[in-house]
Every structure is written in C-alpha cells, then in structure tokens.
Amino acid sequence: MNRVAVQNARAKIKSPRALRALIASAQRRGRRIVFTNGCFDLIHIGHVRYLEQAKRLGDLLVVAVNTDRSVRRMKGPHRPVVPQAQRAEVVAALGCVNYVVLFSTPTPRPLIARLRPDILVKGADWSVDQIAGKEEVEAAGGRVRTIPLTPGSSTTKLIKKISALGRRAD
C-alpha cells in the first residue's frame, strides 16, 4: 500500500523571515518561485483555477494573503467575511499552494522585495505596469505574468448573491 504524506495546511503558513530562508534554499537548488497575492475572502472556482495556473509557471507557489486590516482598507468595513487566519489556512489547504504568508502593507511590494520570487503573478484585471513589485522582480532577473480571470466568478458577486438569498428568506 502506498502511503501519501499529508501536510497540515497550517504548517504551510510561514512568517516572512522563515519563508525567505525556505525560498533562498529552494532557489539555490534551481527551483523557480512563483508569488501571487490577494484577499481570498470566499474561495471560489476563479481562485482555484487562478492558483493552479500560477503554480504551473514554476516549482513552488507562494501566496500572500491580505490581513483583515488591509482588506478593510481596500474593500470597506464589511469585509473580509472570513478572518485572516481562516483565509490563510483555506488557501494553504489547496494542493497547488506550497506556502502562505500574511501581509498588512497597502501593497505586497515590501514583501516581494524581501522574498525575491522568480515569477510574480496577478490576474489579468491588472495591467503589468500596475502590478506592485514588478520593478523589484524584473530588476532581479524575474518575470511578471498575468492570468486570465474565470468569467462570472468573483467574491463580490458571490457575497451579493448570498445577501439576496438572505433577504428572500426573511
């Protein structure tokens, strides 16, 4: 019987310092590090497909998840729906994700500069010139890529749909 080691999702969540050491070690062994970021408030098919495509661009996928405070700054006082520790753990539980790190800065640029990934990825709703960390990644010889979004899938639409269902139930 084959035994498959199952990694605890929480073990994939790392501090920036620990993650930098893991990335440096992997890069010394010739592994390509892919980095992306987002809120990942309510995981949906668009997130899954996006992260799977991002992983195909390299060997290890690092996902930076916005803290609750940074989500509120971007999306308003009623977001996130799911607290940061739970969002990070759900993202970490996806098989295509190797590591998760939380960040609270307005953009992930300082984290990207510290981690020095080989490939920086965002959704195609971002123009490459607007992607935070682009300069740092390209200056180190890395690449920046965008991935098409899954039509009709968005957290905001999902929240609106759930909200409408709740109003009908009242």
Protein backbone atom coordinates (compact mmCIF):
# COMPACT_ATOMS: atom_id res chain seq x y z
CA MET A 1 0.00 0.00 0.00
CA ASN A 2 1.31 3.44 -0.94
CA ARG A 3 1.32 5.98 1.83
CA VAL A 4 0.90 9.61 0.94
CA ALA A 5 2.19 12.16 3.40
CA VAL A 6 -0.46 14.76 4.08
CA GLN A 7 0.88 18.09 5.18
CA ASN A 8 -1.12 20.06 7.69
CA ALA A 9 -2.34 23.23 5.98
CA ARG A 10 -1.29 25.36 8.96
CA ALA A 11 2.30 24.13 8.55
CA LYS A 12 2.38 25.87 5.15
CA ILE A 13 1.70 29.27 6.74
CA LYS A 14 5.04 30.97 7.35
CA SER A 15 6.42 34.22 8.68
CA PRO A 16 8.22 36.41 6.12
CA ARG A 17 11.54 35.60 7.78
CA ALA A 18 11.04 31.82 7.71
CA LEU A 19 9.70 32.00 4.18
CA ARG A 20 12.74 33.98 2.95
CA ALA A 21 15.04 31.21 4.19
CA LEU A 22 12.92 28.49 2.55
CA ILE A 23 12.81 30.39 -0.75
CA ALA A 24 16.56 31.09 -0.76
CA SER A 25 17.28 27.42 -0.17
CA ALA A 26 14.91 26.35 -2.95
CA GLN A 27 16.39 28.88 -5.38
CA ARG A 28 19.92 27.63 -4.65
CA ARG A 29 18.66 24.20 -5.75
CA GLY A 30 17.38 25.69 -9.02
CA ARG A 31 13.70 25.82 -8.13
CA ARG A 32 11.58 28.65 -9.55
CA ILE A 33 9.42 30.51 -7.03
CA VAL A 34 6.05 31.89 -8.13
CA PHE A 35 4.46 34.60 -5.97
CA THR A 36 0.93 35.96 -6.00
CA ASN A 37 -1.28 37.76 -3.53
CA GLY A 38 -4.87 38.59 -2.75
CA CYS A 39 -7.65 38.73 -0.18
CA PHE A 40 -9.06 35.24 -0.90
CA ASP A 41 -12.09 36.11 1.22
CA LEU A 42 -14.54 33.47 -0.03
CA ILE A 43 -12.69 30.86 -2.07
CA HIS A 44 -14.43 30.14 -5.38
CA ILE A 45 -13.63 28.40 -8.67
CA GLY A 46 -11.92 31.51 -10.03
CA HIS A 47 -9.42 31.43 -7.17
CA VAL A 48 -8.75 27.72 -7.61
CA ARG A 49 -8.17 27.98 -11.37
CA TYR A 50 -6.02 31.08 -10.95
CA LEU A 51 -3.79 29.47 -8.32
CA GLU A 52 -3.48 26.24 -10.32
CA GLN A 53 -2.36 28.22 -13.39
CA ALA A 54 0.08 30.25 -11.29
CA LYS A 55 1.65 27.06 -9.94
CA ARG A 56 2.27 25.79 -13.49
CA LEU A 57 4.63 28.74 -14.06
CA GLY A 58 7.21 27.46 -11.58
CA ASP A 59 8.11 24.91 -8.94
CA LEU A 60 6.82 26.45 -5.69
CA LEU A 61 3.79 28.70 -5.27
CA VAL A 62 3.82 31.32 -2.51
CA VAL A 63 0.52 33.08 -1.81
CA ALA A 64 0.48 36.29 0.22
CA VAL A 65 -2.90 36.85 1.87
CA ASN A 66 -4.03 40.31 2.96
CA THR A 67 -4.64 40.74 6.68
CA ASP A 68 -8.13 41.70 7.87
CA ARG A 69 -7.00 45.29 8.37
CA SER A 70 -5.68 45.62 4.83
CA VAL A 71 -8.84 44.04 3.37
CA ARG A 72 -10.99 46.57 5.27
CA ARG A 73 -8.85 49.41 3.87
CA MET A 74 -9.41 48.17 0.32
CA LYS A 75 -12.92 46.72 0.39
CA GLY A 76 -14.73 48.57 3.17
CA PRO A 77 -15.89 47.93 6.74
CA HIS A 78 -17.97 44.82 5.98
CA ARG A 79 -15.05 42.85 4.55
CA PRO A 80 -13.48 40.44 4.96
CA VAL A 81 -16.26 37.94 5.57
CA VAL A 82 -13.76 35.30 6.72
CA PRO A 83 -11.00 36.17 9.27
CA GLN A 84 -7.37 36.18 8.10
CA ALA A 85 -6.25 33.04 9.95
CA GLN A 86 -9.07 31.03 8.37
CA ARG A 87 -8.48 32.52 4.90
CA ALA A 88 -4.77 31.69 5.12
CA GLU A 89 -5.48 28.12 6.21
CA VAL A 90 -8.03 27.51 3.44
CA VAL A 91 -5.58 28.81 0.81
CA ALA A 92 -2.80 26.69 2.35
CA ALA A 93 -5.04 23.60 2.11
CA LEU A 94 -5.09 23.82 -1.69
CA GLY A 95 -2.76 21.26 -3.19
CA CYS A 96 -1.19 23.72 -5.64
CA VAL A 97 -0.08 26.08 -2.85
CA ASN A 98 3.28 25.47 -1.20
CA TYR A 99 3.42 28.38 1.25
CA VAL A 100 1.18 31.15 2.56
CA VAL A 101 2.25 34.36 4.23
CA LEU A 102 0.10 37.19 5.62
CA PHE A 103 0.84 40.81 4.80
CA SER A 104 -0.68 44.06 6.06
CA THR A 105 1.01 46.73 3.94
CA PRO A 106 -1.07 48.59 1.31
CA THR A 107 0.68 46.55 -1.41
CA PRO A 108 2.87 43.44 -1.18
CA ARG A 109 5.86 45.35 -2.62
CA PRO A 110 7.96 45.24 0.61
CA LEU A 111 7.28 41.52 0.98
CA ILE A 112 8.14 40.85 -2.68
CA ALA A 113 11.39 42.80 -2.29
CA ARG A 114 12.25 40.69 0.75
CA LEU A 115 11.28 37.29 -0.69
CA ARG A 116 12.66 37.86 -4.21
CA PRO A 117 10.45 35.43 -6.17
CA ASP A 118 11.36 34.44 -9.72
CA ILE A 119 7.88 34.96 -11.13
CA LEU A 120 5.26 37.46 -9.98
CA VAL A 121 1.67 36.72 -11.00
CA LYS A 122 -1.58 38.67 -10.86
CA GLY A 123 -4.97 38.37 -12.52
CA ALA A 124 -5.43 39.86 -15.97
CA ASP A 125 -7.61 42.58 -14.46
CA TRP A 126 -4.26 44.21 -13.59
CA SER A 127 -2.07 45.72 -16.28
CA VAL A 128 1.53 44.54 -15.91
CA ASP A 129 2.68 48.12 -15.34
CA GLN A 130 0.37 48.44 -12.30
CA ILE A 131 1.49 45.26 -10.54
CA ALA A 132 3.18 46.07 -7.22
CA GLY A 133 6.62 44.51 -7.04
CA LYS A 134 7.14 44.42 -10.81
CA GLU A 135 10.28 46.57 -10.66
CA GLU A 136 11.84 44.52 -7.87
CA VAL A 137 11.19 41.19 -9.58
CA GLU A 138 12.39 42.33 -13.00
CA ALA A 139 15.49 44.03 -11.54
CA ALA A 140 16.46 40.66 -10.05
CA GLY A 141 16.00 38.92 -13.42
CA GLY A 142 12.50 37.63 -12.74
CA ARG A 143 9.33 37.79 -14.81
CA VAL A 144 5.86 39.24 -14.31
CA ARG A 145 2.82 37.44 -15.73
CA THR A 146 -0.94 37.87 -15.74
CA ILE A 147 -3.50 35.09 -15.77
CA PRO A 148 -6.99 35.43 -17.30
CA LEU A 149 -9.86 35.55 -14.83
CA THR A 150 -12.65 32.98 -14.81
CA PRO A 151 -15.69 34.74 -16.28
CA GLY A 152 -18.56 35.32 -13.85
CA SER A 153 -16.60 34.38 -10.75
CA SER A 154 -15.91 37.00 -8.12
CA THR A 155 -16.14 37.25 -4.37
CA THR A 156 -18.20 40.45 -4.61
CA LYS A 157 -20.77 38.71 -6.86
CA LEU A 158 -20.87 35.73 -4.50
CA ILE A 159 -21.48 37.98 -1.48
CA LYS A 160 -24.28 39.82 -3.34
CA LYS A 161 -25.92 36.52 -4.27
CA ILE A 162 -25.75 35.22 -0.70
CA SER A 163 -27.08 38.53 0.58
CA ALA A 164 -30.03 38.38 -1.82
CA LEU A 165 -30.82 34.83 -0.71
CA GLY A 166 -30.79 36.00 2.92
CA ARG A 167 -33.23 38.82 2.16
CA ARG A 168 -35.62 36.38 0.42
CA ALA A 169 -35.53 34.08 3.47
CA ASP A 170 -36.70 36.87 5.79
